[in-house]
Amino acid sequence: MVNLKQNISVWKCDVFGTIKQRNISVLNRLGGIQQRQYYQRRNPFLEIMENELQKELGDILYQEELA
């Protein structure tokens, strides 16, 4: 029983730690893209990247809800 508890604790840390790190990373990248778009003219590459990151953020937030 103790071994199971330790395994679950490690798994929980790995899964939730990864979700949190991905969330922070995506939010930082989105912030950088949005800031750059504010100060520069339209950039189609950044718009595509922002849309992809928005979708990824949605997936991450859904995973957080499940966890």
Protein backbone atom coordinates (compact mmCIF):
# COMPACT_ATOMS: atom_id res chain seq x y z
CA MET A 1 0.00 0.00 0.00
CA VAL A 2 2.84 2.38 0.80
CA ASN A 3 4.47 1.65 -2.57
CA LEU A 4 1.20 2.40 -4.37
CA LYS A 5 0.88 5.69 -2.52
CA GLN A 6 4.42 6.67 -3.51
CA ASN A 7 3.82 5.70 -7.14
CA ILE A 8 0.62 7.74 -7.27
CA SER A 9 2.39 10.69 -5.68
CA VAL A 10 5.18 10.56 -8.28
CA TRP A 11 2.69 10.18 -11.14
CA LYS A 12 0.62 13.11 -9.87
CA CYS A 13 3.69 15.33 -9.63
CA ASP A 14 4.82 14.34 -13.13
CA VAL A 15 1.43 14.88 -14.76
CA PHE A 16 0.38 18.05 -12.98
CA GLY A 17 3.85 19.52 -13.06
CA THR A 18 3.98 18.98 -16.81
CA ILE A 19 0.56 20.56 -17.35
CA LYS A 20 1.52 23.57 -15.26
CA GLN A 21 4.83 24.01 -17.08
CA ARG A 22 3.16 23.74 -20.49
CA ASN A 23 0.51 26.25 -19.41
CA ILE A 24 3.13 28.79 -18.32
CA SER A 25 5.17 28.25 -21.49
CA VAL A 26 2.20 28.69 -23.82
CA LEU A 27 0.98 31.78 -21.96
CA ASN A 28 4.44 33.36 -22.19
CA ARG A 29 4.71 32.61 -25.89
CA LEU A 30 1.22 34.01 -26.54
CA GLY A 31 2.07 37.14 -24.60
CA GLY A 32 5.22 37.66 -26.65
CA ILE A 33 3.39 37.19 -29.94
CA GLN A 34 0.57 39.53 -28.96
CA GLN A 35 3.00 42.17 -27.76
CA ARG A 36 5.01 41.94 -30.97
CA GLN A 37 1.87 42.22 -33.09
CA TYR A 38 0.81 45.30 -31.17
CA TYR A 39 4.03 47.14 -31.97
CA GLN A 40 4.59 45.88 -35.52
CA ARG A 41 2.57 45.55 -38.66
CA ARG A 42 0.55 42.45 -39.46
CA ASN A 43 2.58 39.24 -39.64
CA PRO A 44 0.75 36.19 -41.08
CA PHE A 45 3.23 33.74 -39.55
CA LEU A 46 2.63 35.14 -36.06
CA GLU A 47 -1.13 35.02 -36.59
CA ILE A 48 -0.94 31.33 -37.50
CA MET A 49 1.31 30.63 -34.54
CA GLU A 50 -1.02 32.52 -32.19
CA ASN A 51 -4.00 30.46 -33.39
CA GLU A 52 -2.10 27.21 -32.85
CA LEU A 53 -1.05 28.29 -29.37
CA GLN A 54 -4.62 29.30 -28.53
CA LYS A 55 -5.78 25.78 -29.46
CA GLU A 56 -2.96 24.24 -27.42
CA LEU A 57 -3.90 26.43 -24.44
CA GLY A 58 -7.49 25.23 -24.75
CA ASP A 59 -6.30 21.62 -24.63
CA ILE A 60 -4.13 22.34 -21.60
CA LEU A 61 -6.98 24.03 -19.75
CA TYR A 62 -9.23 21.06 -20.52
CA GLN A 63 -6.60 18.69 -19.11
CA GLU A 64 -6.38 20.83 -15.98
CA GLU A 65 -10.14 20.51 -15.53
CA LEU A 66 -9.93 16.75 -15.76
CA ALA A 67 -7.08 16.55 -13.27
